Structures are given as C-alpha cells and as structure tokens.
Amino acid sequence: MKIRIFTFGCKVNQYDSQMFIELFSKQGYEISSDDYDVALVNTCCVTKKAEKEARMLIRKLSRRAKEVWVTGCLAEKVNMSNEFHGAKILSRDSLYKKAHELGIHTIEKFQGHTRVFVKIVDGCENFCNYCIVPFVRGRVRSRRISEIIQEVKVLVENSYKEIVLTGIDLGSFGKDTGETLIDLIGHLNQVKKLARFRLSSIEMFHLSDTLIKELLLSDKFCPSFHIPLQSGSDRILSSMGRSYSFSGYFNIIKKLRESFVKDITFTTDIMIGFPGETETDFEKTIEAIFRCEFLKVHVFPFSLHSETKAALLLERVPAQVVKERLQKAISVAEEVSMGVKKKFLRKRCNVLVEEKLDNFWFGYSENYIPVVISSTQHLAGKMVTICPAEIKKIGNTTYLFATNCADLLL
C-alpha cells in the first residue's frame, strides 16, 4: 500500500514527518509522491493561514485518496473528526509510541533535503499571550544527548553534511533532564565527519555568555542566528508577554556581532497587528529592522486563538491597516536584506549546494545567505567555496551569484 505525507509548518513538524516516514516504511508501506492509497496530513495551527491551507488540502484529498489521515498541531487543537467525518485522526503521541514500539527512536535520512533538521526538544512553557503552541505541543520534553548523537552519526554516515538543531523552544533543551545545550554542542563538535551545524530559532534570553563561548570555540558552527523579535515596541512586547525589551534584544545582537570574528547574520520573526499596536509602535518595529540589520525577516499578521490571553484584548487593529503595515515591513526588510548581502560580495564563503535552480546550483552559505552558482560540474550535496561578484534576483529572492567555485571542499 502506498502512502504520501503532506507537511505544514515548522522544522519540528518536518522532523516529525520524517519519523513517520520511517515508521510507515517499517510497517510495509511504500512512500510515494505520486499515486497513493493513503494521505497523511501533518498540520500546523500557528497562524490562521496555516490552518486554512491544511483544511483546504484535507478537503481536496478526501475527494482523491482512498484514506485520509490527519495529525499535527491542528489535530491537537480541534476535534477534526467532527469537521472531516471520513478522515482518521491520529495523535502525534500515538504515532511516536508506535514508532518506539517498533524500535524506531532516531531517523536515518531526511527525504528531499540536503540539510537535516534534528529535533532535540519538544514542547514550550513560555505561554506568550498570543501563542497557541504550548497548548498543542505540551510541556518541555528533551531527548537524551546520547540518542541525538547516535542519530547525527548515522545521518553523517549517510552523507548528510549539515545538521540543524531544532526544537519548539530550543534553548530550554535539558531543563527536564539535567543536560544542557552547551553539553550537546560539545558532543557535536566531536562528530568527525560532521561538516557543520546551525541552530534553528532560539530566544534571546537563552543566549547566555557560556553558550556563546561554546559556539565561538566550535569550528563546525554556522555563524547565523534566528532570534525572534516579534515587535520593536516595548509596550507591545510587554502586552505580548515577551520577557525582554528591545534594548535588551539589541544588546544581544551587538554582543554576538562583537564576539564572532567571522561575519555573522541574523534573521527574525515580526508580528504585525497585535491588539493595541499603534502607528508609533509599528514605526518602532520598522526602526528595529534597520538597527538590527536582519538578513531575513519573517513578517506575518497576528492570528487570534481563543485559548490565549490575547483573545481577551479588545483593541483590534483594522484589517486594512494590518495589510498596509505588512507591505511596508516586508519592503523595509527586503531593503535591509539587500544591504546585508552586498557586504558579502567579493568575500570567500562556504556553500552547501542543494539542488538545481533555473540552470544554476543553489545552496546556502554558512551565514545562511542564499547562493546560486553557474558551473558545469555536478555540485548537488557538495560543499564548495565561492567568491560572489554580484547579486542575482530569481523570482522574488535575491541571491549571491558566483560564476564558478574557488575550491571544492567535500
């Protein structure tokens, strides 16, 4: 029997889907991307857009597939069996339990990816006033370092060169086990064939001096951080239940820039239209984007979740105002991003090449800058050194562009 898995949402969801692929493969299913008998939809509910897209796909699949199974965060949030009578609802925990019963505790590959997302911790206990995640992902649950390192070693032996440490609240890793992220990084540095690793999203209050020092000592760490900001307004940050001010956030950015000898980049998340956001608050967010010089900003509108404290806030921002602010924030973010990328022109950088894109080879530098390379060599899966001479726009994305490789590293 053939099964296809559709995945919405974050890197953790993508890791979960790979675990499910390995579970179903062991149960005798054939993993398919074309014709299939069963469709499993791994859903997301962080934003209303994600919820809407998942529901639309489930309806579409119900008319095509013989069976539709639904799991993930949206399935944890609402009773989807009432909405989709023909769908089979599977809790994430039940799938993991079945995998563990069959002896599957780690993944061995990451289908369709060159970089591997490795989940090290699930759950979140921050309970920001707008966020549904703690309600659908539960309390912090960390994996053991020994199991993570075993997984990484297998993945590296299977020719994966880059690992992305992933978690719902990455910096909380080990609070329930007594191990620490610093301990894990120390062990990662000992994995001989691992070329590089990076951190996924991490909160600024988890970036301690000790953690920064450990990252500085690593020759495998990619100098790029995704640190969620959400707003540049202290008033809105307080209303969101975020436990920092913009000045505190900016001081972390400055400290990291001063600490790393290598060129370092930053990406972030910005929420537009949180209840009570004034034009002054919004302008402070725009100023923050300029001051922090983000390489990339994920800009998204506030989504109302009835389970959260933000649902009780009555001062809603009109939809048209949110739309206009979104457009301006995106425009400013693109302007700032271009400035960051220009700083890397004519500088040597290492790129893990992923795939062909419009007759070029596409990949990311260690600083998480998207790159395209013109080369007659087959570069997929290889680590190369380039010296980009210009910036090229393909679709809506701007890339560093190199006409060839200075060196072939791996």
Protein backbone atom coordinates (compact mmCIF):
# COMPACT_ATOMS: atom_id res chain seq x y z
CA MET A 1 0.00 0.00 0.00
CA LYS A 2 1.29 3.47 -0.93
CA ILE A 3 1.25 6.46 1.43
CA ARG A 4 2.09 10.12 0.89
CA ILE A 5 2.83 12.55 3.71
CA PHE A 6 1.97 16.24 3.39
CA THR A 7 3.65 18.57 5.89
CA PHE A 8 2.74 22.07 7.02
CA GLY A 9 4.63 24.33 9.39
CA CYS A 10 7.92 24.42 11.22
CA LYS A 11 11.16 22.43 11.14
CA VAL A 12 9.93 20.34 14.08
CA ASN A 13 6.89 19.28 12.05
CA GLN A 14 9.21 18.37 9.18
CA TYR A 15 11.29 16.21 11.52
CA ASP A 16 8.11 14.55 12.81
CA SER A 17 7.08 13.74 9.24
CA GLN A 18 10.44 12.06 8.58
CA MET A 19 9.94 9.97 11.72
CA PHE A 20 6.50 8.98 10.38
CA ILE A 21 8.06 8.08 7.01
CA GLU A 22 10.44 5.70 8.75
CA LEU A 23 7.60 4.29 10.85
CA PHE A 24 5.36 3.56 7.86
CA SER A 25 8.26 2.17 5.83
CA LYS A 26 8.94 -0.35 8.59
CA GLN A 27 5.24 -1.24 8.63
CA GLY A 28 5.47 -2.14 4.94
CA TYR A 29 4.03 0.98 3.33
CA GLU A 30 5.60 2.35 0.16
CA ILE A 31 6.34 6.08 0.50
CA SER A 32 5.08 7.79 -2.64
CA SER A 33 4.90 11.31 -4.04
CA ASP A 34 2.65 10.42 -6.95
CA ASP A 35 -0.08 7.80 -6.81
CA TYR A 36 -1.05 6.78 -3.27
CA ASP A 37 -3.72 4.92 -1.33
CA VAL A 38 -3.35 6.83 1.94
CA ALA A 39 -2.63 10.53 2.51
CA LEU A 40 -1.30 11.66 5.90
CA VAL A 41 -1.55 15.41 6.55
CA ASN A 42 0.77 16.73 9.27
CA THR A 43 -0.93 20.02 10.15
CA CYS A 44 0.06 23.37 11.67
CA CYS A 45 -2.06 25.91 13.55
CA VAL A 46 0.37 28.71 14.46
CA THR A 47 -1.39 31.07 12.04
CA LYS A 48 -4.90 31.17 10.60
CA LYS A 49 -3.33 30.93 7.15
CA ALA A 50 -1.69 27.61 8.06
CA GLU A 51 -4.99 26.29 9.44
CA LYS A 52 -6.87 27.35 6.31
CA GLU A 53 -4.34 25.76 3.95
CA ALA A 54 -4.40 22.47 5.88
CA ARG A 55 -8.20 22.33 5.84
CA MET A 56 -8.30 23.06 2.11
CA LEU A 57 -5.84 20.24 1.41
CA ILE A 58 -7.75 17.76 3.58
CA ARG A 59 -10.97 18.53 1.68
CA LYS A 60 -9.17 18.14 -1.64
CA LEU A 61 -7.54 14.86 -0.61
CA SER A 62 -10.83 13.48 0.70
CA ARG A 63 -12.07 13.55 -2.88
CA ARG A 64 -8.95 11.82 -4.27
CA ALA A 65 -7.30 9.47 -1.79
CA LYS A 66 -8.77 6.22 -0.57
CA GLU A 67 -7.94 7.17 3.00
CA VAL A 68 -7.05 10.49 4.64
CA TRP A 69 -5.24 10.54 7.96
CA VAL A 70 -4.69 13.76 9.91
CA THR A 71 -2.12 14.51 12.62
CA GLY A 72 -0.12 17.50 13.88
CA CYS A 73 -0.90 20.67 15.79
CA LEU A 74 -4.29 21.49 14.24
CA ALA A 75 -5.47 17.97 15.06
CA GLU A 76 -4.35 18.57 18.66
CA LYS A 77 -6.17 21.91 18.80
CA VAL A 78 -9.62 20.96 17.49
CA ASN A 79 -11.67 17.80 17.08
CA MET A 80 -11.26 17.45 13.33
CA SER A 81 -13.31 14.27 13.17
CA ASN A 82 -16.40 16.49 13.58
CA GLU A 83 -15.34 18.54 10.57
CA PHE A 84 -13.99 15.75 8.36
CA HIS A 85 -16.11 12.67 9.01
CA GLY A 86 -14.18 10.44 6.62
CA ALA A 87 -10.74 11.35 7.97
CA LYS A 88 -8.86 9.29 10.52
CA ILE A 89 -7.38 11.44 13.28
CA LEU A 90 -4.03 10.25 14.66
CA SER A 91 -2.41 11.99 17.61
CA ARG A 92 1.27 12.76 17.26
CA ASP A 93 1.99 10.91 20.51
CA SER A 94 0.28 7.76 19.24
CA LEU A 95 2.47 7.72 16.13
CA TYR A 96 5.64 8.22 18.15
CA LYS A 97 4.54 5.49 20.56
CA LYS A 98 4.07 3.08 17.67
CA ALA A 99 7.50 4.02 16.28
CA HIS A 100 9.15 3.39 19.64
CA GLU A 101 7.37 0.04 19.97
CA LEU A 102 8.95 -0.94 16.65
CA GLY A 103 12.39 0.15 17.88
CA ILE A 104 12.48 3.42 15.91
CA HIS A 105 13.94 6.19 18.09
CA THR A 106 16.03 8.03 15.50
CA ILE A 107 15.84 8.93 11.83
CA GLU A 108 18.38 7.67 9.28
CA LYS A 109 17.70 10.08 6.42
CA PHE A 110 15.75 13.24 5.62
CA GLN A 111 13.73 12.74 2.47
CA GLY A 112 14.01 15.56 -0.05
CA HIS A 113 16.58 17.53 1.98
CA THR A 114 20.32 18.18 1.87
CA ARG A 115 20.38 19.79 5.32
CA VAL A 116 18.88 17.69 8.13
CA PHE A 117 16.61 19.06 10.85
CA VAL A 118 17.26 17.15 14.08
CA LYS A 119 14.64 17.64 16.78
CA ILE A 120 16.25 17.83 20.21
CA VAL A 121 13.35 19.15 22.32
CA ASP A 122 9.57 19.37 22.03
CA GLY A 123 7.07 21.50 23.93
CA CYS A 124 7.11 25.05 25.27
CA GLU A 125 6.33 26.57 28.65
CA ASN A 126 6.71 30.27 27.82
CA PHE A 127 2.99 30.85 27.17
CA CYS A 128 3.36 34.12 25.27
CA ASN A 129 -0.04 35.81 25.24
CA TYR A 130 -0.66 35.27 21.51
CA CYS A 131 0.77 31.79 21.05
CA ILE A 132 -1.15 28.54 20.64
CA VAL A 133 1.97 26.34 20.60
CA PRO A 134 2.17 25.45 24.35
CA PHE A 135 -1.45 24.28 24.17
CA VAL A 136 -0.82 21.86 21.29
CA ARG A 137 2.81 20.83 21.90
CA GLY A 138 2.67 20.45 25.69
CA ARG A 139 5.42 20.78 28.27
CA VAL A 140 9.15 20.72 27.52
CA ARG A 141 10.41 17.20 26.71
CA SER A 142 14.08 16.83 25.82
CA ARG A 143 15.76 13.94 24.09
CA ARG A 144 18.89 12.46 25.61
CA ILE A 145 22.22 13.64 24.20
CA SER A 146 23.35 10.05 23.62
CA GLU A 147 20.33 9.39 21.38
CA ILE A 148 20.79 12.66 19.46
CA ILE A 149 24.48 11.99 18.82
CA GLN A 150 23.69 8.44 17.70
CA GLU A 151 21.19 9.90 15.22
CA VAL A 152 23.66 12.52 13.95
CA LYS A 153 26.38 9.91 13.42
CA VAL A 154 24.06 7.76 11.31
CA LEU A 155 22.95 10.77 9.27
CA VAL A 156 26.56 11.83 8.67
CA GLU A 157 27.45 8.29 7.57
CA ASN A 158 24.54 8.58 5.14
CA SER A 159 26.31 11.57 3.52
CA TYR A 160 24.48 14.48 5.20
CA LYS A 161 26.93 17.30 5.86
CA GLU A 162 24.84 19.85 7.78
CA ILE A 163 22.67 19.39 10.86
CA VAL A 164 20.15 21.99 12.06
CA LEU A 165 19.37 21.60 15.76
CA THR A 166 15.63 22.12 16.01
CA GLY A 167 13.12 22.43 18.81
CA ILE A 168 9.93 24.25 19.74
CA ASP A 169 11.86 26.18 22.42
CA LEU A 170 15.43 25.25 21.55
CA GLY A 171 17.10 26.96 24.49
CA SER A 172 15.01 25.04 27.02
CA PHE A 173 16.74 21.81 25.98
CA GLY A 174 17.66 19.76 29.03
CA LYS A 175 15.64 21.63 31.65
CA ASP A 176 13.76 18.38 32.29
CA THR A 177 16.77 16.04 32.08
CA GLY A 178 19.68 17.93 33.62
CA GLU A 179 21.61 18.03 30.35
CA THR A 180 22.27 21.31 28.53
CA LEU A 181 22.53 22.69 25.03
CA ILE A 182 26.15 23.51 25.84
CA ASP A 183 26.77 19.83 26.62
CA LEU A 184 25.15 18.79 23.34
CA ILE A 185 27.25 21.23 21.30
CA GLY A 186 30.40 19.88 22.94
CA HIS A 187 29.46 16.37 21.81
CA LEU A 188 28.54 17.56 18.29
CA ASN A 189 32.00 19.05 17.89
CA GLN A 190 33.41 15.53 18.37
CA VAL A 191 31.46 14.01 15.45
CA LYS A 192 34.33 13.70 12.98
CA LYS A 193 32.56 13.66 9.64
CA LEU A 194 30.03 16.38 10.50
CA ALA A 195 30.95 19.40 8.36
CA ARG A 196 28.76 21.99 10.08
CA PHE A 197 25.73 22.59 12.24
CA ARG A 198 23.45 25.50 12.95
CA LEU A 199 20.80 26.41 15.48
CA SER A 200 17.22 26.96 14.43
CA SER A 201 15.13 29.60 16.22
CA ILE A 202 16.38 30.46 19.72
CA GLU A 203 15.04 33.06 22.16
CA MET A 204 17.40 35.89 23.12
CA PHE A 205 17.15 35.08 26.84
CA HIS A 206 18.67 31.65 26.19
CA LEU A 207 21.82 33.13 24.63
CA SER A 208 23.98 33.11 27.75
CA ASP A 209 27.65 34.09 27.81
CA THR A 210 28.51 30.41 28.40
CA LEU A 211 26.56 29.27 25.35
CA ILE A 212 28.06 32.00 23.18
CA LYS A 213 31.55 30.98 24.33
CA GLU A 214 30.88 27.33 23.43
CA LEU A 215 29.69 28.33 19.95
CA LEU A 216 32.77 30.51 19.47
CA LEU A 217 35.00 27.53 20.23
CA SER A 218 33.34 25.39 17.56
CA ASP A 219 34.77 25.19 14.05
CA LYS A 220 31.57 23.48 12.89
CA PHE A 221 29.05 26.14 13.96
CA CYS A 222 27.46 28.26 11.22
CA PRO A 223 27.59 31.93 12.34
CA SER A 224 23.92 32.75 11.83
CA PHE A 225 21.18 33.17 14.42
CA HIS A 226 17.40 33.22 14.14
CA ILE A 227 16.27 35.20 17.20
CA PRO A 228 12.53 36.05 17.31
CA LEU A 229 11.86 39.74 18.00
CA GLN A 230 8.08 39.99 17.31
CA SER A 231 7.95 43.79 17.87
CA GLY A 232 10.29 46.74 18.30
CA SER A 233 7.91 48.38 20.76
CA ASP A 234 8.49 47.72 24.47
CA ARG A 235 4.81 48.39 25.13
CA ILE A 236 3.70 45.74 22.65
CA LEU A 237 6.38 43.28 23.81
CA SER A 238 5.02 43.62 27.35
CA SER A 239 1.45 43.13 26.15
CA MET A 240 2.58 40.04 24.23
CA GLY A 241 4.05 38.57 27.41
CA ARG A 242 7.58 38.63 25.99
CA SER A 243 10.13 38.83 28.79
CA TYR A 244 12.52 41.39 27.30
CA SER A 245 12.75 44.94 25.98
CA PHE A 246 14.04 45.97 22.58
CA SER A 247 17.17 47.43 24.15
CA GLY A 248 17.85 44.06 25.81
CA TYR A 249 17.34 42.31 22.49
CA PHE A 250 19.57 44.76 20.64
CA ASN A 251 22.33 44.36 23.23
CA ILE A 252 22.39 40.61 22.49
CA ILE A 253 22.71 41.36 18.77
CA LYS A 254 25.61 43.74 19.48
CA LYS A 255 27.31 41.24 21.78
CA LEU A 256 27.14 38.49 19.16
CA ARG A 257 28.46 40.79 16.43
CA GLU A 258 31.38 41.82 18.63
CA SER A 259 32.10 38.23 19.72
CA PHE A 260 32.28 36.47 16.35
CA VAL A 261 35.34 37.06 14.20
CA LYS A 262 33.51 35.54 11.22
CA ASP A 263 30.81 37.58 9.51
CA ILE A 264 27.58 36.86 11.35
CA THR A 265 23.97 37.25 10.20
CA PHE A 266 20.63 37.47 11.94
CA THR A 267 17.11 36.50 10.93
CA THR A 268 13.93 37.05 12.92
CA ASP A 269 10.14 36.94 13.20
CA ILE A 270 8.00 40.09 13.25
CA MET A 271 4.28 40.05 14.11
CA ILE A 272 2.13 42.83 12.68
CA GLY A 273 -1.22 43.92 14.08
CA PHE A 274 -1.07 42.64 17.65
CA PRO A 275 -4.08 44.12 19.52
CA GLY A 276 -3.36 47.70 20.56
CA GLU A 277 -0.49 48.22 18.10
CA THR A 278 -0.41 51.92 17.23
CA GLU A 279 1.37 53.65 14.37
CA THR A 280 4.07 54.66 16.84
CA ASP A 281 4.54 51.04 17.91
CA PHE A 282 4.76 49.96 14.29
CA GLU A 283 7.34 52.62 13.45
CA LYS A 284 9.48 51.37 16.35
CA THR A 285 9.38 47.93 14.73
CA ILE A 286 10.48 49.41 11.40
CA GLU A 287 13.32 51.19 13.17
CA ALA A 288 14.30 47.90 14.83
CA ILE A 289 14.60 46.16 11.45
CA PHE A 290 17.01 48.87 10.28
CA ARG A 291 19.05 48.89 13.50
CA CYS A 292 19.44 45.11 13.74
CA GLU A 293 20.30 44.73 10.03
CA PHE A 294 18.45 41.47 9.61
CA LEU A 295 19.36 39.22 6.70
CA LYS A 296 15.78 37.97 6.59
CA VAL A 297 12.56 38.83 8.39
CA HIS A 298 9.56 36.53 8.55
CA VAL A 299 6.74 39.08 8.65
CA PHE A 300 3.27 37.78 9.49
CA PRO A 301 -0.06 39.12 10.79
CA PHE A 302 -1.41 38.47 14.28
CA SER A 303 -3.70 35.41 14.42
CA LEU A 304 -6.41 35.21 17.05
CA HIS A 305 -6.55 31.99 19.09
CA SER A 306 -9.40 31.77 21.59
CA GLU A 307 -7.25 29.75 24.01
CA THR A 308 -4.74 32.59 24.50
CA LYS A 309 -4.78 35.71 26.66
CA ALA A 310 -4.58 37.92 23.58
CA ALA A 311 -8.13 36.82 22.72
CA LEU A 312 -9.32 38.98 25.62
CA LEU A 313 -7.74 42.14 24.20
CA LEU A 314 -10.41 44.22 22.53
CA GLU A 315 -8.34 46.89 20.76
CA ARG A 316 -8.04 45.12 17.40
CA VAL A 317 -6.10 46.68 14.54
CA PRO A 318 -8.27 47.12 11.40
CA ALA A 319 -7.54 44.58 8.65
CA GLN A 320 -6.67 47.25 6.08
CA VAL A 321 -4.17 48.85 8.46
CA VAL A 322 -2.57 45.44 9.11
CA LYS A 323 -2.31 44.86 5.37
CA GLU A 324 -0.61 48.23 4.78
CA ARG A 325 1.81 47.71 7.66
CA LEU A 326 2.66 44.22 6.42
CA GLN A 327 3.52 45.58 2.98
CA LYS A 328 5.73 48.31 4.44
CA ALA A 329 7.52 45.93 6.83
CA ILE A 330 8.19 43.44 4.02
CA SER A 331 9.52 46.23 1.79
CA VAL A 332 11.84 47.54 4.52
CA ALA A 333 13.01 44.01 5.35
CA GLU A 334 13.91 43.41 1.69
CA GLU A 335 15.81 46.71 1.55
CA VAL A 336 17.81 45.84 4.66
CA SER A 337 18.43 42.29 3.43
CA MET A 338 19.93 43.60 0.20
CA GLY A 339 22.31 45.77 2.19
CA VAL A 340 23.44 42.78 4.25
CA LYS A 341 24.02 40.63 1.17
CA LYS A 342 26.09 43.34 -0.53
CA LYS A 343 28.55 43.18 2.37
CA PHE A 344 29.40 39.61 1.32
CA LEU A 345 30.31 40.45 -2.28
CA ARG A 346 33.90 39.53 -3.19
CA LYS A 347 34.30 37.63 0.09
CA ARG A 348 35.05 33.92 0.19
CA CYS A 349 32.23 31.87 1.68
CA ASN A 350 31.48 28.17 2.00
CA VAL A 351 28.27 26.87 0.45
CA LEU A 352 26.46 23.57 0.84
CA VAL A 353 24.91 23.05 -2.59
CA GLU A 354 21.39 21.62 -2.52
CA GLU A 355 19.84 21.46 -5.98
CA LYS A 356 19.47 22.95 -9.45
CA LEU A 357 17.53 26.23 -9.68
CA ASP A 358 16.94 27.87 -13.08
CA ASN A 359 20.09 26.31 -14.55
CA PHE A 360 22.16 27.36 -11.53
CA TRP A 361 23.26 25.40 -8.49
CA PHE A 362 21.52 26.63 -5.34
CA GLY A 363 22.63 26.44 -1.72
CA TYR A 364 23.24 28.38 1.49
CA SER A 365 26.44 29.90 2.80
CA GLU A 366 27.47 29.26 6.40
CA ASN A 367 25.90 32.67 7.14
CA TYR A 368 22.55 31.42 5.74
CA ILE A 369 22.73 33.60 2.65
CA PRO A 370 21.08 32.03 -0.41
CA VAL A 371 23.58 31.49 -3.22
CA VAL A 372 23.42 30.47 -6.88
CA ILE A 373 26.44 29.18 -8.79
CA SER A 374 26.98 28.85 -12.51
CA SER A 375 29.03 25.71 -13.04
CA THR A 376 29.24 22.78 -15.43
CA GLN A 377 30.20 20.48 -12.53
CA HIS A 378 27.59 18.40 -10.72
CA LEU A 379 27.55 20.11 -7.33
CA ALA A 380 24.46 18.75 -5.55
CA GLY A 381 25.34 17.71 -2.00
CA LYS A 382 28.85 19.14 -2.20
CA MET A 383 30.48 21.81 -0.04
CA VAL A 384 32.20 24.46 -2.17
CA THR A 385 33.97 27.76 -1.64
CA ILE A 386 32.89 30.72 -3.77
CA CYS A 387 33.73 34.38 -4.11
CA PRO A 388 30.47 36.02 -5.27
CA ALA A 389 30.86 39.00 -7.60
CA GLU A 390 27.26 40.12 -7.93
CA ILE A 391 23.69 39.72 -6.71
CA LYS A 392 21.11 38.00 -8.92
CA LYS A 393 17.34 38.07 -8.50
CA ILE A 394 15.36 34.95 -9.35
CA GLY A 395 11.63 35.22 -8.71
CA ASN A 396 11.17 37.21 -5.50
CA THR A 397 14.51 36.20 -3.95
CA THR A 398 17.93 37.82 -4.28
CA TYR A 399 20.98 35.55 -4.25
CA LEU A 400 24.73 35.95 -4.08
CA PHE A 401 25.94 34.85 -7.50
CA ALA A 402 29.21 33.19 -8.43
CA THR A 403 30.32 32.08 -11.88
CA ASN A 404 32.37 29.18 -10.55
CA CYS A 405 33.80 27.52 -7.46
CA ALA A 406 37.10 28.62 -6.00
CA ASP A 407 37.55 25.29 -4.23
CA LEU A 408 35.69 22.01 -3.89
CA LEU A 409 35.81 21.25 -0.18
CA LEU A 410 33.98 17.94 0.20
